[in-house]
Protein backbone atom coordinates (compact mmCIF):
# COMPACT_ATOMS: atom_id res chain seq x y z
CA MET A 1 67.41 58.75 43.80
CA LEU A 2 70.15 55.99 43.64
CA ASN A 3 71.80 57.48 40.87
CA SER A 4 72.22 60.82 42.74
CA ILE A 5 73.65 59.16 45.77
CA LYS A 6 76.47 57.27 44.03
CA PRO A 7 78.30 60.37 42.74
CA PHE A 8 77.98 61.81 46.42
CA MET A 9 79.44 58.64 47.89
CA LYS A 10 82.23 58.40 45.53
CA THR A 11 83.18 62.21 46.23
CA THR A 12 82.92 61.55 50.03
CA LEU A 13 85.24 58.44 49.84
CA LEU A 14 87.73 60.37 47.74
CA ALA A 15 87.82 63.07 50.09
CA ILE A 16 88.35 60.66 53.17
CA VAL A 17 91.27 59.01 51.16
CA ILE A 18 92.91 62.40 50.43
CA LEU A 19 92.55 63.33 54.16
CA GLY A 20 93.98 60.10 55.21
CA ILE A 21 97.11 60.49 52.90
CA GLY A 22 97.52 64.01 54.13
CA PHE A 23 97.47 62.75 57.76
CA LEU A 24 100.03 60.20 57.10
CA THR A 25 102.20 62.48 55.42
CA SER A 26 101.94 64.91 58.22
CA CYS A 27 102.83 62.26 60.77
CA LYS A 28 105.87 61.16 58.63
CA LYS A 29 107.16 64.71 58.45
CA HIS A 30 106.72 65.15 62.29
CA HIS A 31 108.38 61.84 62.96
CA ASP A 32 111.32 62.85 60.72
CA GLN A 33 111.73 66.13 62.50
CA GLN A 34 111.69 64.30 65.89
CA ALA A 35 114.23 61.74 64.99
CA PRO A 36 116.83 62.66 62.39
CA VAL A 37 118.98 60.03 61.17
CA ILE A 38 122.68 60.29 62.29
CA THR A 39 125.34 59.58 59.78
CA PHE A 40 128.35 58.15 61.62
CA ASP A 41 131.90 58.91 60.63
CA THR A 42 133.82 55.70 59.68
CA ASP A 43 136.57 56.38 62.26
CA ALA A 44 133.85 56.85 64.92
CA LEU A 45 132.21 53.52 64.04
CA LYS A 46 135.54 51.72 64.33
CA PHE A 47 135.82 53.15 67.85
CA PHE A 48 132.35 52.26 68.72
CA ASP A 49 132.97 48.62 67.58
CA SER A 50 136.10 48.22 69.68
CA SER A 51 134.87 50.02 72.88
CA ALA A 52 131.41 48.41 72.64
CA ILE A 53 129.74 51.70 73.34
CA THR A 54 126.09 51.74 72.52
CA ASP A 55 124.88 54.81 74.51
CA THR A 56 123.38 57.01 71.80
CA ALA A 57 124.48 60.33 73.62
CA GLN A 58 127.81 59.17 73.83
CA MET A 59 128.01 57.87 70.21
CA SER A 60 126.57 61.21 68.95
CA ALA A 61 129.14 63.24 71.04
CA ILE A 62 132.09 61.19 69.87
CA ASN A 63 130.87 61.33 66.24
CA SER A 64 130.56 65.10 66.39
CA PHE A 65 134.11 65.35 68.08
CA VAL A 66 135.63 63.49 65.07
CA LYS A 67 133.92 65.35 62.45
CA GLN A 68 134.96 68.64 63.92
CA LEU A 69 138.57 67.66 64.22
CA LYS A 70 138.52 66.62 60.50
CA ASP A 71 136.62 69.77 59.43
CA SER A 72 139.23 71.79 61.43
CA SER A 73 142.12 69.98 59.67
CA LEU A 74 143.19 68.87 63.17
CA TRP A 75 142.41 65.06 62.87
CA THR A 76 145.74 64.18 61.21
CA LYS A 77 147.72 66.03 63.86
CA PHE A 78 147.23 63.19 66.45
CA VAL A 79 148.61 59.83 66.71
CA ALA A 80 146.55 59.06 69.79
CA ILE A 81 143.38 60.39 71.38
CA TYR A 82 141.85 58.88 74.43
CA PRO A 83 138.17 60.19 74.91
CA MET A 84 137.89 58.15 78.31
CA VAL A 85 134.08 57.41 77.88
CA GLY A 86 131.94 54.41 78.99
CA GLY A 87 133.11 54.18 82.63
CA THR A 88 135.03 50.87 82.48
CA ALA A 89 138.57 49.75 81.81
CA ASN A 90 137.61 48.16 78.53
CA SER A 91 135.74 51.28 77.19
CA THR A 92 138.29 53.86 78.32
CA LYS A 93 141.51 52.06 77.00
CA TRP A 94 141.02 52.59 73.22
CA ASN A 95 142.80 54.98 70.96
CA LEU A 96 140.27 56.78 68.91
CA LYS A 97 142.83 57.28 66.13
CA ASN A 98 143.40 53.49 65.77
CA PRO A 99 141.04 51.49 68.04
CA ALA A 100 143.06 48.15 67.67
CA ASN A 101 143.68 46.02 70.82
CA THR A 102 147.54 46.14 70.45
CA ASP A 103 150.35 48.12 71.94
CA ALA A 104 151.42 49.19 68.37
CA ALA A 105 147.99 50.78 67.94
CA TYR A 106 148.62 52.74 71.24
CA ARG A 107 145.73 51.50 73.31
CA LEU A 108 146.16 52.06 76.90
CA THR A 109 147.31 49.47 79.52
CA PHE A 110 146.13 50.32 82.95
CA SER A 111 148.21 49.55 86.20
CA GLY A 112 147.17 49.78 89.74
CA THR A 113 143.51 50.27 90.63
CA PRO A 114 142.19 53.54 88.78
CA THR A 115 138.63 54.48 89.34
CA PHE A 116 136.59 54.42 86.30
CA SER A 117 133.38 56.42 86.03
CA GLY A 118 131.13 58.14 83.48
CA THR A 119 133.44 61.35 83.96
CA GLY A 120 136.75 59.67 83.17
CA VAL A 121 139.52 57.76 84.97
CA LEU A 122 140.97 59.02 88.25
CA PHE A 123 144.50 58.00 89.29
CA THR A 124 144.93 58.40 93.09
CA THR A 125 148.15 56.61 93.84
CA THR A 126 151.66 56.41 92.46
CA SER A 127 150.78 52.71 91.29
CA ASP A 128 147.76 54.11 89.28
CA PHE A 129 148.57 55.08 85.64
CA ALA A 130 147.86 54.17 82.12
CA ASP A 131 150.70 53.21 79.64
CA THR A 132 150.07 54.62 76.09
CA HIS A 133 152.89 52.58 74.72
CA VAL A 134 153.87 55.79 72.75
CA TYR A 135 157.59 56.26 73.49
CA ASP A 136 158.97 59.83 73.34
CA SER A 137 161.56 58.70 71.00
CA VAL A 138 158.95 58.03 68.20
CA LEU A 139 157.88 61.67 68.23
CA SER A 140 159.89 64.37 66.62
CA TYR A 141 161.46 66.62 69.30
CA ASN A 142 160.56 69.76 67.47
CA ASN A 143 156.88 68.80 66.33
CA ASN A 144 154.88 67.16 69.06
CA ALA A 145 152.25 67.92 71.72
CA ILE A 146 150.39 66.12 74.57
CA SER A 147 147.26 67.20 76.42
CA TYR A 148 145.38 66.27 79.51
CA PHE A 149 141.87 67.31 80.28
CA SER A 150 141.41 67.42 83.97
CA THR A 151 138.01 67.20 85.79
CA THR A 152 139.40 67.60 89.29
CA GLU A 153 140.00 70.67 91.21
CA ASN A 154 142.80 70.35 93.59
CA THR A 155 146.21 71.80 94.61
CA ILE A 156 148.13 68.56 94.72
CA ASP A 157 151.87 68.55 93.62
CA GLY A 158 152.27 65.62 91.24
CA TYR A 159 152.74 64.73 87.63
CA ASP A 160 149.82 63.97 85.48
CA MET A 161 151.53 62.90 82.04
CA GLY A 162 154.84 62.11 80.55
CA CYS A 163 157.83 59.84 80.71
CA ALA A 164 160.12 59.98 83.62
CA ASP A 165 161.18 61.76 86.77
CA ASN A 166 164.38 59.75 87.25
CA LEU A 167 165.91 59.73 83.71
CA SER A 168 167.00 62.68 81.90
CA PRO A 169 165.56 64.56 80.04
CA PHE A 170 162.45 63.67 81.96
CA ASN A 171 159.86 64.88 79.45
CA GLU A 172 157.11 65.30 82.21
CA PHE A 173 154.15 67.37 82.74
CA ALA A 174 152.43 68.50 85.91
CA ILE A 175 149.33 70.47 85.83
CA TYR A 176 149.85 71.89 89.35
CA GLN A 177 153.19 71.83 90.95
CA SER A 178 154.62 74.39 93.44
CA ASN A 179 158.28 73.50 92.93
CA ASP A 180 159.70 71.19 90.15
CA ALA A 181 156.87 71.45 87.58
CA ASN A 182 157.68 70.46 84.14
CA ASN A 183 160.36 69.51 81.75
CA TRP A 184 159.44 69.10 78.08
CA PHE A 185 161.82 68.89 75.34
CA GLY A 186 164.04 71.58 77.07
CA TYR A 187 161.21 73.52 78.61
CA TYR A 188 161.72 73.73 82.30
CA ASN A 189 160.18 75.96 85.00
CA PHE A 190 160.11 75.97 88.93
CA GLY A 191 156.49 75.66 89.54
CA ARG A 192 153.20 76.30 87.87
CA LYS A 193 150.18 76.94 89.93
CA PRO A 194 147.11 77.57 87.73
CA ALA A 195 144.07 79.28 89.19
CA SER A 196 142.08 76.12 88.35
CA THR A 197 143.08 72.56 87.83
CA ARG A 198 139.99 71.87 85.80
CA GLY A 199 140.20 71.85 81.94
CA LEU A 200 142.61 71.23 79.07
CA PHE A 201 146.24 71.57 79.76
CA MET A 202 148.77 71.07 76.88
CA PHE A 203 152.54 71.25 75.99
CA SER A 204 153.51 71.84 72.42
CA SER A 205 156.93 71.67 70.95
CA THR A 206 157.66 73.26 67.44
CA THR A 207 160.79 74.16 65.65
CA SER A 208 161.06 77.61 67.38
CA ASP A 209 159.50 77.06 70.90
CA VAL A 210 157.97 74.87 73.49
CA LYS A 211 154.83 76.13 75.01
CA ARG A 212 152.33 75.43 77.65
CA TYR A 213 148.64 75.90 77.04
CA GLU A 214 145.94 76.11 79.58
CA ASN A 215 142.21 75.99 78.09
CA GLY A 216 143.54 77.04 74.71
CA ALA A 217 145.45 79.98 75.80
CA MET A 218 149.27 80.11 75.75
CA VAL A 219 150.45 80.84 79.35
CA ILE A 220 154.31 80.36 79.14
CA ALA A 221 156.93 79.56 76.55
CA LYS A 222 160.57 78.64 76.63
CA GLY A 223 161.38 81.33 74.05
CA SER A 224 163.80 79.16 72.10
CA ALA A 225 164.00 75.96 70.00
CA PRO A 226 163.31 72.48 71.70
CA VAL A 227 166.09 70.28 72.74
CA ASN A 228 166.77 66.95 70.73
CA SER A 229 166.77 64.64 73.50
CA PHE A 230 164.67 61.64 74.60
CA THR A 231 164.05 59.26 77.52
CA ALA A 232 163.24 56.50 75.15
CA MET A 233 160.39 55.60 77.45
CA PRO A 234 156.55 55.42 77.12
CA ILE A 235 154.40 58.47 77.83
CA LEU A 236 152.18 57.59 80.88
CA ILE A 237 148.89 59.08 81.84
CA GLY A 238 148.16 59.72 85.55
CA ASN A 239 151.95 59.76 86.65
CA VAL A 240 155.33 59.40 85.18
CA SER A 241 158.02 56.66 85.67
CA GLY A 242 160.05 57.07 88.97
CA SER A 243 157.77 59.65 90.42
CA SER A 244 156.76 59.79 94.02
CA ALA A 245 153.70 61.70 93.62
CA GLY A 246 150.84 61.74 91.03
CA GLY A 247 148.51 64.60 90.41
CA GLN A 248 145.47 62.71 91.48
CA ARG A 249 143.33 64.36 88.85
CA GLU A 250 140.64 62.65 87.00
CA CYS A 251 141.31 62.56 83.20
CA SER A 252 138.38 62.82 80.82
CA LEU A 253 140.65 63.09 77.56
CA ALA A 254 144.25 62.80 76.77
CA SER A 255 146.08 63.14 73.42
CA ILE A 256 149.50 62.74 71.81
CA GLY A 257 150.37 64.07 68.37
CA LEU A 258 152.12 66.93 66.47
CA GLY A 259 152.92 70.28 67.64
CA LEU A 260 150.03 72.94 67.43
CA SER A 261 150.04 76.57 66.65
CA ASP A 262 148.42 79.11 69.01
CA ALA A 263 145.38 79.09 66.71
CA GLU A 264 145.25 75.39 66.57
CA ALA A 265 145.52 75.01 70.39
CA GLN A 266 142.47 77.23 70.84
CA THR A 267 140.53 75.45 68.19
CA PHE A 268 141.28 72.01 69.73
CA TYR A 269 140.33 73.47 73.20
CA ASN A 270 137.06 74.61 71.84
CA ILE A 271 136.22 71.27 70.16
CA VAL A 272 137.17 69.37 73.37
CA SER A 273 135.04 71.61 75.41
CA LYS A 274 132.11 70.95 73.26
CA LEU A 275 132.65 66.99 73.65
CA GLU A 276 132.76 67.48 77.40
CA VAL A 277 129.61 69.37 77.40
CA ARG A 278 127.77 66.83 75.31
CA LEU A 279 128.99 64.14 77.68
CA SER A 280 127.77 66.19 80.62
CA ARG A 281 131.08 66.19 82.41
């Protein structure tokens, strides 16, 4: 009788062990599916270290943004990218391309009392702006671009980014301006009033033309080569030097870099739009 029970007990015990192993394996697979491990790009990690950003959603969004720029061969096109994340002066001042705390690394220096929030930085007075420390004279006049992502809907005449309104050749950029709108390396027009002031606005200067882009689409071009002329002043975000009016539009991203083709401008807009969606702004 005892001899017949022993094999039965061994068989039952083995079955229990096998079921237990299967259960644990199933739990591990389920856990792995629920919490995949994120591999952070080394440039994204440097940015997180400097900005002290620890929010996992923000980290994931920035990481994807960097990887998509690199996958699209656009990462090397920029000397400065400001994602404006974190909601504080310290978290928004960093240059994603080189997050060192120096003027030479093009980190932002804020003036006035801008409003910092999770959706970006709002510049409401002529005293509110951010100095990028990128002088237009360090750019090639026929190979450069600047961009400003606005999260504000308004029809205020005012400058959003650029160098000067009191020193020729000015090199200034207004998202919305009913009269004296823009002057960027020889591009000049009397007023630009887009249907919406929300989105990504960009100027790009190349060997053959200077173009304005709105949400990835080219809307107006100079039609001839850019002008080899500089203010030798730094590019500001939120206003320009000597201006009596800023655009009072919240900036959720700004960039400075090399000139972009029509296709590259569209790709950059698509990547930035995905970043903004991931950041819920």
